[in-house]
Amino acid sequence: MTVLVTGAGGFIGSTLTARLLADGEKVIGVDALTDYYDVSLKRVNLARLESPQFTFIEDDLATMPLEQLGQVTRIFHLAGQPGVRKSWGTDFAACTHANVTATQRLLEHARAVAGLERFVYASSSSVYGNAERFPTTELDLPSPMSPYGVTKLAGEHLCRVYASAFGLPTVSLRFFSVYGPRQRPDMAFTRFLTAAAVGTPIDLYGTGGQVRDFTFVDDVVSAIVAAGATSTAPGSVFNVAGGSSASVNDALQLIAAITGREVLINRFDTIAGDVNRTGGDTTAIRDQLGWHPTTELEAGLRKHWDWVTEMLAQKEP
């Protein structure tokens, strides 16, 4: 049997694909390889996935003929346009294209896939905005603070609509601050750890008192696999949170301790769309999927640091 992973060249998508291949699955991967960040990093991820069990298609889900994807048993839809800060102004068009139009087309295609067991959609804690309580449950009202969050919530609503109207077995997973090896270069921990390695300052927006619920990528992948393997009510939504709540300042102190190096900081005002705190209640996913996070923040950051130093060493002449 074959499964589909969209966004297969990206941070979470390539990590998921590697896990599925290790589990003996046959995987079709799709990625548009957009230039939001260095495409060569995605190509490195894809090169590590080389296997007779893996077929890669470079194309755009919003425009490609989806019939070429063939028959699959599960769809893991991780492709999308990331970036809270980059979703304002004219960049919003890229968000709607990748996060809304592509999702709707893939859901429509999924209706025609005979025997589809699960459609797992990668959502985001950004849908909550500045939540009214913590830890936040799936029953709390979403109130996104950025155009990016709006598009991810729109994707969830589309999944629910197709579940309600056609019984499509959709599951939406709200990821909380995912970090670990292969993380995008624009994301916080890769920026912080790289800066510590090379001795350059980082740009920090806000006071650093912002609290995040950090979730290690391998734990996220385990949640995705569990969602794909477990029967739940069509249209279900689950938080995927690591339980490692810490402020950005606390994380920077931990990075300094792990690396043995001072992290230099250029401080700037808060950027529109950034929230003060995130924190997810994982009771529902524990009860229904049997999932819980297993990686503490320090252990995850050490693995992230090892990856960053390995990548930098490979760039040296």
Protein backbone atom coordinates (compact mmCIF):
# COMPACT_ATOMS: atom_id res chain seq x y z
CA MET A 1 0.00 0.00 0.00
CA THR A 2 1.12 3.54 -0.78
CA VAL A 3 0.82 6.75 1.22
CA LEU A 4 1.10 10.36 0.06
CA VAL A 5 3.16 13.01 1.86
CA THR A 6 2.83 16.58 0.65
CA GLY A 7 5.62 18.99 1.54
CA ALA A 8 7.97 15.99 1.52
CA GLY A 9 11.10 18.10 1.10
CA GLY A 10 10.42 20.29 4.11
CA PHE A 11 11.29 20.14 7.79
CA ILE A 12 8.46 17.99 9.12
CA GLY A 13 7.55 16.41 5.78
CA SER A 14 11.00 14.94 5.16
CA THR A 15 11.24 13.71 8.76
CA LEU A 16 7.82 12.04 8.42
CA THR A 17 8.77 10.47 5.09
CA ALA A 18 11.95 9.03 6.57
CA ARG A 19 9.90 7.51 9.40
CA LEU A 20 7.35 6.01 7.01
CA LEU A 21 10.05 4.50 4.81
CA ALA A 22 11.75 3.04 7.89
CA ASP A 23 8.39 1.51 8.82
CA GLY A 24 8.27 -0.23 5.43
CA GLU A 25 5.75 2.04 3.76
CA LYS A 26 5.76 2.93 0.07
CA VAL A 27 5.64 6.73 -0.19
CA ILE A 28 4.79 9.25 -2.89
CA GLY A 29 6.17 12.66 -1.97
CA VAL A 30 5.10 15.98 -3.50
CA ASP A 31 6.79 19.33 -2.99
CA ALA A 32 6.78 22.51 -5.06
CA LEU A 33 10.29 23.37 -3.78
CA THR A 34 9.43 27.06 -3.52
CA ASP A 35 12.16 29.56 -2.73
CA TYR A 36 10.72 30.75 0.61
CA TYR A 37 14.05 29.52 1.95
CA ASP A 38 17.14 27.96 0.36
CA VAL A 39 15.90 25.22 -1.97
CA SER A 40 19.22 23.39 -1.67
CA LEU A 41 18.30 22.52 1.94
CA LYS A 42 15.15 20.78 0.73
CA ARG A 43 17.15 18.94 -1.91
CA VAL A 44 19.50 17.69 0.82
CA ASN A 45 16.47 16.42 2.74
CA LEU A 46 15.16 14.67 -0.36
CA ALA A 47 18.55 13.12 -1.17
CA ARG A 48 18.48 11.43 2.23
CA LEU A 49 15.16 9.83 1.31
CA GLU A 50 16.49 7.96 -1.73
CA SER A 51 14.82 4.57 -1.76
CA PRO A 52 13.08 2.26 -4.25
CA GLN A 53 10.03 2.73 -2.00
CA PHE A 54 10.01 6.52 -2.49
CA THR A 55 8.70 8.39 -5.54
CA PHE A 56 9.15 12.16 -5.64
CA ILE A 57 7.08 14.61 -7.71
CA GLU A 58 8.12 18.24 -7.91
CA ASP A 59 4.93 20.20 -8.58
CA ASP A 60 2.39 22.63 -7.14
CA LEU A 61 -0.70 21.07 -5.56
CA ALA A 62 -2.75 24.15 -6.43
CA THR A 63 -2.23 23.67 -10.17
CA MET A 64 -0.91 20.18 -10.93
CA PRO A 65 -3.07 17.36 -12.34
CA LEU A 66 -3.74 15.45 -9.13
CA GLU A 67 -4.73 12.30 -10.99
CA GLN A 68 -1.03 11.50 -11.41
CA LEU A 69 -0.80 10.82 -7.67
CA GLY A 70 -2.50 7.47 -8.21
CA GLN A 71 -4.11 5.27 -5.57
CA VAL A 72 -3.06 5.86 -1.98
CA THR A 73 -4.39 4.60 1.35
CA ARG A 74 -3.51 7.67 3.45
CA ILE A 75 -2.78 11.30 2.72
CA PHE A 76 -0.51 13.33 4.99
CA HIS A 77 -0.95 16.95 3.91
CA LEU A 78 1.97 18.97 5.27
CA ALA A 79 2.60 21.24 2.28
CA GLY A 80 1.89 24.93 2.73
CA GLN A 81 3.24 28.45 2.87
CA PRO A 82 4.79 29.03 6.31
CA GLY A 83 5.55 32.24 8.16
CA VAL A 84 3.47 34.38 10.51
CA ARG A 85 5.59 37.46 9.88
CA LYS A 86 5.69 37.01 6.12
CA SER A 87 1.93 36.60 5.69
CA TRP A 88 1.01 40.30 5.65
CA GLY A 89 0.55 42.50 2.58
CA THR A 90 1.15 41.07 -0.86
CA ASP A 91 2.63 37.89 0.64
CA PHE A 92 -0.88 36.87 1.70
CA ALA A 93 -1.55 35.71 -1.86
CA ALA A 94 1.09 32.99 -1.44
CA CYS A 95 -0.63 31.87 1.77
CA THR A 96 -4.05 31.57 0.19
CA HIS A 97 -2.60 29.79 -2.83
CA ALA A 98 -0.66 27.19 -0.84
CA ASN A 99 -2.74 26.88 2.32
CA VAL A 100 -6.29 27.24 1.06
CA THR A 101 -6.52 26.59 -2.68
CA ALA A 102 -4.11 23.64 -2.60
CA THR A 103 -5.87 22.13 0.41
CA GLN A 104 -9.30 22.40 -1.19
CA ARG A 105 -8.06 20.81 -4.42
CA LEU A 106 -6.45 17.95 -2.53
CA LEU A 107 -9.60 17.35 -0.49
CA GLU A 108 -11.65 17.29 -3.67
CA HIS A 109 -9.21 14.79 -5.14
CA ALA A 110 -9.38 12.69 -1.97
CA ARG A 111 -13.12 12.22 -2.51
CA ALA A 112 -12.30 10.14 -5.59
CA VAL A 113 -9.68 7.97 -3.88
CA ALA A 114 -11.29 4.59 -3.28
CA GLY A 115 -10.74 3.16 0.18
CA LEU A 116 -8.94 6.21 1.59
CA GLU A 117 -8.31 5.49 5.27
CA ARG A 118 -7.23 8.91 6.49
CA PHE A 119 -6.55 12.48 5.39
CA VAL A 120 -4.23 14.08 7.98
CA TYR A 121 -3.92 17.87 7.75
CA ALA A 122 -1.06 19.81 9.34
CA SER A 123 -2.57 22.80 11.11
CA SER A 124 -0.94 25.16 13.60
CA SER A 125 -1.32 26.58 17.09
CA SER A 126 -1.40 29.94 15.27
CA VAL A 127 -5.14 29.39 14.87
CA TYR A 128 -5.60 30.16 18.59
CA GLY A 129 -3.94 33.60 18.57
CA ASN A 130 -3.72 35.00 22.11
CA ALA A 131 -5.84 32.33 23.73
CA GLU A 132 -8.00 33.13 26.73
CA ARG A 133 -6.66 30.25 28.85
CA PHE A 134 -3.76 27.83 29.11
CA PRO A 135 -3.33 25.06 28.44
CA THR A 136 -5.64 25.66 25.48
CA THR A 137 -8.04 22.89 24.47
CA GLU A 138 -9.49 22.11 21.07
CA LEU A 139 -12.85 23.43 22.33
CA ASP A 140 -11.47 26.94 22.91
CA LEU A 141 -12.44 29.50 20.29
CA PRO A 142 -9.78 30.00 17.60
CA SER A 143 -8.84 33.65 17.10
CA PRO A 144 -5.81 33.91 14.81
CA MET A 145 -3.61 37.01 15.07
CA SER A 146 -2.03 36.76 11.62
CA PRO A 147 -3.10 36.15 8.03
CA TYR A 148 -1.09 32.92 8.16
CA GLY A 149 -3.17 31.71 11.10
CA VAL A 150 -6.34 32.62 9.21
CA THR A 151 -5.32 30.43 6.27
CA LYS A 152 -4.43 27.47 8.48
CA LEU A 153 -7.80 27.75 10.20
CA ALA A 154 -9.45 27.93 6.78
CA GLY A 155 -7.75 24.63 5.92
CA GLU A 156 -9.21 23.09 9.08
CA HIS A 157 -12.67 24.33 8.18
CA LEU A 158 -12.33 22.83 4.72
CA CYS A 159 -11.39 19.49 6.27
CA ARG A 160 -14.48 19.63 8.48
CA VAL A 161 -16.73 20.61 5.56
CA TYR A 162 -15.53 17.66 3.47
CA ALA A 163 -15.85 15.36 6.48
CA SER A 164 -19.41 16.53 7.13
CA ALA A 165 -20.60 16.57 3.53
CA PHE A 166 -18.86 13.46 2.20
CA GLY A 167 -17.66 11.51 5.23
CA LEU A 168 -14.04 12.12 4.26
CA PRO A 169 -11.87 10.73 7.13
CA THR A 170 -10.02 13.96 7.91
CA VAL A 171 -7.94 14.68 11.01
CA SER A 172 -6.42 18.11 11.69
CA LEU A 173 -3.37 18.38 13.96
CA ARG A 174 -2.50 21.72 15.55
CA PHE A 175 1.30 21.78 15.91
CA PHE A 176 2.87 23.86 18.68
CA SER A 177 6.33 25.41 18.00
CA VAL A 178 8.03 22.45 16.33
CA TYR A 179 11.85 22.30 16.52
CA GLY A 180 14.63 19.82 15.87
CA PRO A 181 16.94 18.67 13.05
CA ARG A 182 16.02 19.95 9.54
CA GLN A 183 14.15 22.96 10.98
CA ARG A 184 13.89 25.84 8.51
CA PRO A 185 16.73 28.41 8.70
CA ASP A 186 14.30 31.26 9.42
CA MET A 187 12.84 29.55 12.50
CA ALA A 188 13.94 30.58 15.98
CA PHE A 189 15.99 27.67 17.27
CA THR A 190 17.94 27.15 14.04
CA ARG A 191 18.72 30.89 13.99
CA PHE A 192 19.73 30.90 17.67
CA LEU A 193 21.89 27.79 17.47
CA THR A 194 23.56 28.89 14.24
CA ALA A 195 24.33 32.27 15.78
CA ALA A 196 25.85 30.57 18.81
CA ALA A 197 28.01 28.40 16.55
CA VAL A 198 29.40 31.20 14.40
CA GLY A 199 29.38 34.02 16.97
CA THR A 200 26.98 36.38 15.21
CA PRO A 201 24.11 38.21 16.93
CA ILE A 202 20.48 37.21 16.56
CA ASP A 203 17.54 39.55 15.99
CA LEU A 204 15.01 39.09 18.80
CA TYR A 205 11.58 40.68 18.46
CA GLY A 206 9.82 41.57 21.69
CA THR A 207 11.12 41.22 25.24
CA GLY A 208 11.90 37.52 24.99
CA GLY A 209 9.28 36.91 27.65
CA GLN A 210 7.00 35.27 25.07
CA VAL A 211 6.20 31.71 26.20
CA ARG A 212 6.01 28.85 23.72
CA ASP A 213 5.03 25.20 24.02
CA PHE A 214 8.02 23.65 22.24
CA THR A 215 7.49 20.28 20.53
CA PHE A 216 10.31 18.09 19.21
CA VAL A 217 9.92 17.04 15.58
CA ASP A 218 10.15 13.28 16.25
CA ASP A 219 7.25 13.59 18.69
CA VAL A 220 5.25 15.47 16.05
CA VAL A 221 5.96 12.75 13.50
CA SER A 222 4.78 10.10 15.97
CA ALA A 223 1.52 12.04 16.38
CA ILE A 224 1.06 12.21 12.60
CA VAL A 225 1.67 8.47 12.23
CA ALA A 226 -0.79 7.76 15.05
CA ALA A 227 -3.40 9.99 13.40
CA GLY A 228 -2.96 8.08 10.17
CA ALA A 229 -3.32 4.71 11.83
CA THR A 230 -6.21 5.34 14.24
CA SER A 231 -9.88 5.61 13.38
CA THR A 232 -11.39 8.82 14.74
CA ALA A 233 -14.54 10.78 13.95
CA PRO A 234 -14.25 12.50 10.55
CA GLY A 235 -13.31 16.14 11.03
CA SER A 236 -11.48 15.56 14.33
CA VAL A 237 -8.99 18.17 15.57
CA PHE A 238 -6.15 17.54 18.02
CA ASN A 239 -3.45 19.61 19.68
CA VAL A 240 0.10 18.32 19.25
CA ALA A 241 2.05 20.05 22.01
CA GLY A 242 5.36 19.13 23.60
CA GLY A 243 4.63 20.20 27.14
CA SER A 244 7.97 22.03 27.28
CA SER A 245 6.64 25.51 27.98
CA ALA A 246 9.45 28.05 28.27
CA SER A 247 10.02 31.69 27.49
CA VAL A 248 12.31 32.65 24.64
CA ASN A 249 14.74 34.09 27.20
CA ASP A 250 14.76 30.79 29.10
CA ALA A 251 15.41 28.92 25.86
CA LEU A 252 18.33 31.23 25.07
CA GLN A 253 19.86 30.53 28.47
CA LEU A 254 19.49 26.80 27.85
CA ILE A 255 21.13 27.16 24.44
CA ALA A 256 24.06 29.01 26.01
CA ALA A 257 24.48 26.18 28.53
CA ILE A 258 24.28 23.46 25.85
CA THR A 259 26.67 25.15 23.41
CA GLY A 260 28.99 26.72 25.97
CA ARG A 261 28.74 29.95 23.99
CA GLU A 262 27.12 33.30 24.59
CA VAL A 263 24.24 34.20 22.31
CA LEU A 264 24.52 37.82 21.21
CA ILE A 265 21.18 39.61 20.84
CA ASN A 266 19.91 42.60 18.87
CA ARG A 267 16.52 43.47 20.36
CA PHE A 268 13.62 44.91 18.37
CA ASP A 269 9.98 45.76 19.01
CA THR A 270 7.32 43.06 18.78
CA ILE A 271 6.13 42.30 15.25
CA ALA A 272 2.44 42.23 14.36
CA GLY A 273 1.03 38.72 14.52
CA ASP A 274 3.31 37.39 17.27
CA VAL A 275 1.41 36.11 20.30
CA ASN A 276 2.41 36.36 23.94
CA ARG A 277 1.99 32.73 24.86
CA THR A 278 1.10 29.31 23.48
CA GLY A 279 0.34 26.14 25.40
CA GLY A 280 -1.72 23.15 24.32
CA ASP A 281 -3.79 20.69 26.31
CA THR A 282 -3.10 17.19 24.93
CA THR A 283 -5.77 15.26 26.82
CA ALA A 284 -7.80 14.56 23.67
CA ILE A 285 -4.93 13.17 21.62
CA ARG A 286 -3.73 11.07 24.57
CA ASP A 287 -7.20 9.59 25.03
CA GLN A 288 -8.07 9.00 21.37
CA LEU A 289 -4.71 8.33 19.69
CA GLY A 290 -2.61 7.18 22.63
CA TRP A 291 0.00 9.84 21.87
CA HIS A 292 2.09 11.85 24.28
CA PRO A 293 5.38 13.75 23.87
CA THR A 294 8.54 12.01 25.07
CA THR A 295 11.32 14.55 24.40
CA GLU A 296 12.23 17.18 26.98
CA LEU A 297 13.40 20.57 25.71
CA GLU A 298 17.04 20.16 26.73
CA ALA A 299 17.36 16.75 25.07
CA GLY A 300 15.68 18.02 21.91
CA LEU A 301 17.88 21.11 21.75
CA ARG A 302 21.00 18.97 22.07
CA LYS A 303 19.92 16.97 19.03
CA HIS A 304 19.11 20.20 17.19
CA TRP A 305 22.56 21.57 18.09
CA ASP A 306 24.27 18.42 16.78
CA TRP A 307 22.44 18.84 13.47
CA VAL A 308 23.29 22.55 13.18
CA THR A 309 27.00 21.93 13.79
CA GLU A 310 26.97 19.06 11.29
CA MET A 311 25.39 21.27 8.62
CA LEU A 312 27.90 24.06 9.25
CA ALA A 313 30.81 21.64 9.06
CA GLN A 314 29.62 20.42 5.67
CA LYS A 315 29.68 24.01 4.38
CA GLU A 316 33.31 24.57 5.35
CA PRO A 317 35.79 24.55 2.43
